[in-house]
């Protein structure tokens, strides 16, 4: 996974206090917002495309997300 994908994924993780949703008070729980993850990736791709230079956009998208 590329560094940029990890950064985006980190923005989608939430750590809840102990016992959130499980009743187990010994460990905090982490949730992941998949919808937000997809939205952030799409927003990043759109930001490259909005430059108007599609070759640049392709290059940046491939580099950011590790696509060959």
N, C-alpha and C. Protein backbone atom coordinates (compact mmCIF):
# COMPACT_ATOMS: atom_id res chain seq x y z
N UNK A 1 0.85 -1.17 0.00
CA UNK A 1 0.00 0.00 0.00
C UNK A 1 0.90 1.24 0.00
N UNK A 2 0.54 2.22 -0.80
CA UNK A 2 1.37 3.42 -0.87
C UNK A 2 1.19 4.28 0.37
N UNK A 3 2.14 5.17 0.57
CA UNK A 3 2.09 6.08 1.72
C UNK A 3 0.82 6.93 1.67
N UNK A 4 0.45 7.40 0.48
CA UNK A 4 -0.73 8.26 0.35
C UNK A 4 -2.00 7.51 0.70
N UNK A 5 -2.12 6.25 0.27
CA UNK A 5 -3.30 5.47 0.64
C UNK A 5 -3.35 5.29 2.14
N UNK A 6 -2.22 5.04 2.78
CA UNK A 6 -2.18 4.91 4.24
C UNK A 6 -2.63 6.20 4.91
N UNK A 7 -2.19 7.35 4.39
CA UNK A 7 -2.59 8.64 4.96
C UNK A 7 -4.11 8.83 4.85
N UNK A 8 -4.65 8.49 3.70
CA UNK A 8 -6.10 8.62 3.51
C UNK A 8 -6.83 7.65 4.44
N UNK A 9 -6.34 6.44 4.54
CA UNK A 9 -6.96 5.44 5.43
C UNK A 9 -6.94 5.92 6.89
N UNK A 10 -5.85 6.55 7.29
CA UNK A 10 -5.76 7.07 8.67
C UNK A 10 -6.84 8.11 8.95
N UNK A 11 -7.20 8.88 7.93
CA UNK A 11 -8.26 9.88 8.10
C UNK A 11 -9.63 9.24 8.29
N UNK A 12 -9.74 7.96 7.95
CA UNK A 12 -11.03 7.27 7.99
C UNK A 12 -11.18 6.37 9.22
N UNK A 13 -10.15 6.31 10.03
CA UNK A 13 -10.19 5.48 11.25
C UNK A 13 -10.60 6.33 12.45
N UNK A 14 -11.42 5.74 13.29
CA UNK A 14 -11.83 6.39 14.52
C UNK A 14 -11.65 5.41 15.67
N UNK A 15 -10.98 5.85 16.72
CA UNK A 15 -10.82 5.04 17.92
C UNK A 15 -11.89 5.50 18.92
N UNK A 16 -12.67 4.54 19.38
CA UNK A 16 -13.73 4.84 20.33
C UNK A 16 -13.28 4.42 21.72
N UNK A 17 -13.88 5.03 22.69
CA UNK A 17 -13.55 4.70 24.07
C UNK A 17 -13.80 3.24 24.39
N UNK A 18 -13.34 2.84 25.49
CA UNK A 18 -13.47 1.43 25.91
C UNK A 18 -14.92 1.01 25.96
N UNK A 19 -15.16 -0.18 25.42
CA UNK A 19 -16.48 -0.77 25.49
C UNK A 19 -17.45 -0.30 24.43
N UNK A 20 -17.01 0.54 23.50
CA UNK A 20 -17.90 1.04 22.45
C UNK A 20 -18.44 -0.13 21.64
N UNK A 21 -19.73 -0.35 21.72
CA UNK A 21 -20.40 -1.34 20.90
C UNK A 21 -20.18 -2.80 21.27
N UNK A 22 -19.23 -3.10 22.14
CA UNK A 22 -18.93 -4.50 22.44
C UNK A 22 -19.30 -4.89 23.85
N UNK A 23 -19.37 -3.93 24.71
CA UNK A 23 -19.60 -4.26 26.11
C UNK A 23 -18.32 -4.67 26.83
N UNK A 24 -17.23 -4.83 26.09
CA UNK A 24 -15.95 -5.20 26.67
C UNK A 24 -15.22 -3.92 27.04
N UNK A 25 -15.04 -3.69 28.32
CA UNK A 25 -14.43 -2.43 28.76
C UNK A 25 -12.91 -2.47 28.78
N UNK A 26 -12.31 -3.59 28.38
CA UNK A 26 -10.85 -3.68 28.47
C UNK A 26 -10.13 -3.07 27.27
N UNK A 27 -10.75 -3.01 26.11
CA UNK A 27 -10.06 -2.54 24.92
C UNK A 27 -10.85 -1.47 24.18
N UNK A 28 -10.17 -0.41 23.69
CA UNK A 28 -10.85 0.54 22.82
C UNK A 28 -11.15 -0.12 21.47
N UNK A 29 -12.11 0.39 20.76
CA UNK A 29 -12.49 -0.18 19.47
C UNK A 29 -12.22 0.81 18.35
N UNK A 30 -11.74 0.30 17.23
CA UNK A 30 -11.48 1.14 16.06
C UNK A 30 -12.54 0.83 14.99
N UNK A 31 -13.06 1.88 14.38
CA UNK A 31 -13.96 1.69 13.24
C UNK A 31 -13.34 2.36 12.02
N UNK A 32 -13.77 1.91 10.86
CA UNK A 32 -13.25 2.43 9.59
C UNK A 32 -14.42 2.84 8.73
N UNK A 33 -14.38 4.07 8.22
CA UNK A 33 -15.46 4.61 7.40
C UNK A 33 -15.10 4.40 5.92
N UNK A 34 -15.61 3.32 5.35
CA UNK A 34 -15.30 2.96 3.97
C UNK A 34 -15.84 3.98 2.97
N UNK A 35 -16.99 4.54 3.25
CA UNK A 35 -17.57 5.55 2.36
C UNK A 35 -16.68 6.79 2.30
N UNK A 36 -16.20 7.23 3.46
CA UNK A 36 -15.30 8.39 3.50
C UNK A 36 -14.00 8.07 2.75
N UNK A 37 -13.49 6.85 2.90
CA UNK A 37 -12.27 6.42 2.22
C UNK A 37 -12.43 6.56 0.71
N UNK A 38 -13.52 6.03 0.18
CA UNK A 38 -13.77 6.12 -1.27
C UNK A 38 -13.90 7.57 -1.70
N UNK A 39 -14.62 8.36 -0.91
CA UNK A 39 -14.82 9.77 -1.25
C UNK A 39 -13.50 10.52 -1.29
N UNK A 40 -12.62 10.28 -0.33
CA UNK A 40 -11.34 10.98 -0.30
C UNK A 40 -10.45 10.60 -1.48
N UNK A 41 -10.49 9.33 -1.88
CA UNK A 41 -9.71 8.91 -3.04
C UNK A 41 -10.25 9.59 -4.30
N UNK A 42 -11.56 9.60 -4.45
CA UNK A 42 -12.16 10.24 -5.62
C UNK A 42 -11.86 11.73 -5.65
N UNK A 43 -11.96 12.38 -4.50
CA UNK A 43 -11.64 13.82 -4.44
C UNK A 43 -10.20 14.10 -4.86
N UNK A 44 -9.28 13.24 -4.40
CA UNK A 44 -7.88 13.44 -4.77
C UNK A 44 -7.69 13.27 -6.28
N UNK A 45 -8.30 12.25 -6.85
CA UNK A 45 -8.21 12.04 -8.30
C UNK A 45 -8.79 13.23 -9.05
N UNK A 46 -9.94 13.73 -8.60
CA UNK A 46 -10.57 14.88 -9.26
C UNK A 46 -9.70 16.12 -9.17
N UNK A 47 -8.97 16.27 -8.06
CA UNK A 47 -8.11 17.44 -7.92
C UNK A 47 -7.00 17.43 -8.97
N UNK A 48 -6.49 16.25 -9.31
CA UNK A 48 -5.47 16.14 -10.36
C UNK A 48 -6.09 16.42 -11.73
N UNK A 49 -7.28 15.88 -11.97
CA UNK A 49 -7.94 16.06 -13.26
C UNK A 49 -8.30 17.52 -13.49
N UNK A 50 -8.63 18.23 -12.44
CA UNK A 50 -9.04 19.63 -12.59
C UNK A 50 -7.90 20.53 -13.06
N UNK A 51 -6.67 20.02 -13.02
CA UNK A 51 -5.54 20.81 -13.52
C UNK A 51 -5.66 21.04 -15.02
N UNK A 52 -6.45 20.20 -15.70
CA UNK A 52 -6.64 20.33 -17.13
C UNK A 52 -5.63 19.56 -17.95
N UNK A 53 -4.55 19.09 -17.33
CA UNK A 53 -3.52 18.34 -18.03
C UNK A 53 -3.73 16.86 -17.70
N UNK A 54 -4.37 16.15 -18.62
CA UNK A 54 -4.72 14.76 -18.34
C UNK A 54 -3.51 13.85 -18.22
N UNK A 55 -2.43 14.15 -18.93
CA UNK A 55 -1.21 13.34 -18.78
C UNK A 55 -0.65 13.51 -17.37
N UNK A 56 -0.66 14.75 -16.88
CA UNK A 56 -0.22 15.00 -15.49
C UNK A 56 -1.13 14.28 -14.51
N UNK A 57 -2.44 14.34 -14.74
CA UNK A 57 -3.41 13.69 -13.85
C UNK A 57 -3.16 12.19 -13.80
N UNK A 58 -2.97 11.57 -14.96
CA UNK A 58 -2.70 10.13 -15.00
C UNK A 58 -1.43 9.80 -14.22
N UNK A 59 -0.38 10.60 -14.44
CA UNK A 59 0.89 10.38 -13.77
C UNK A 59 0.73 10.47 -12.25
N UNK A 60 0.03 11.50 -11.79
CA UNK A 60 -0.14 11.71 -10.35
C UNK A 60 -1.02 10.63 -9.71
N UNK A 61 -2.09 10.26 -10.38
CA UNK A 61 -2.97 9.22 -9.85
C UNK A 61 -2.23 7.90 -9.76
N UNK A 62 -1.52 7.55 -10.81
CA UNK A 62 -0.75 6.30 -10.78
C UNK A 62 0.29 6.31 -9.67
N UNK A 63 0.99 7.43 -9.52
CA UNK A 63 2.01 7.52 -8.48
C UNK A 63 1.45 7.51 -7.08
N UNK A 64 0.36 8.24 -6.88
CA UNK A 64 -0.24 8.32 -5.54
C UNK A 64 -0.79 7.00 -5.06
N UNK A 65 -1.31 6.21 -6.00
CA UNK A 65 -2.00 4.99 -5.60
C UNK A 65 -1.29 3.71 -6.03
N UNK A 66 -0.04 3.86 -6.51
CA UNK A 66 0.78 2.70 -6.80
C UNK A 66 0.29 1.86 -7.96
N UNK A 67 -0.25 2.52 -8.98
CA UNK A 67 -0.76 1.80 -10.14
C UNK A 67 0.27 1.90 -11.26
N UNK A 68 0.54 0.78 -11.90
CA UNK A 68 1.51 0.78 -13.00
C UNK A 68 0.83 0.73 -14.34
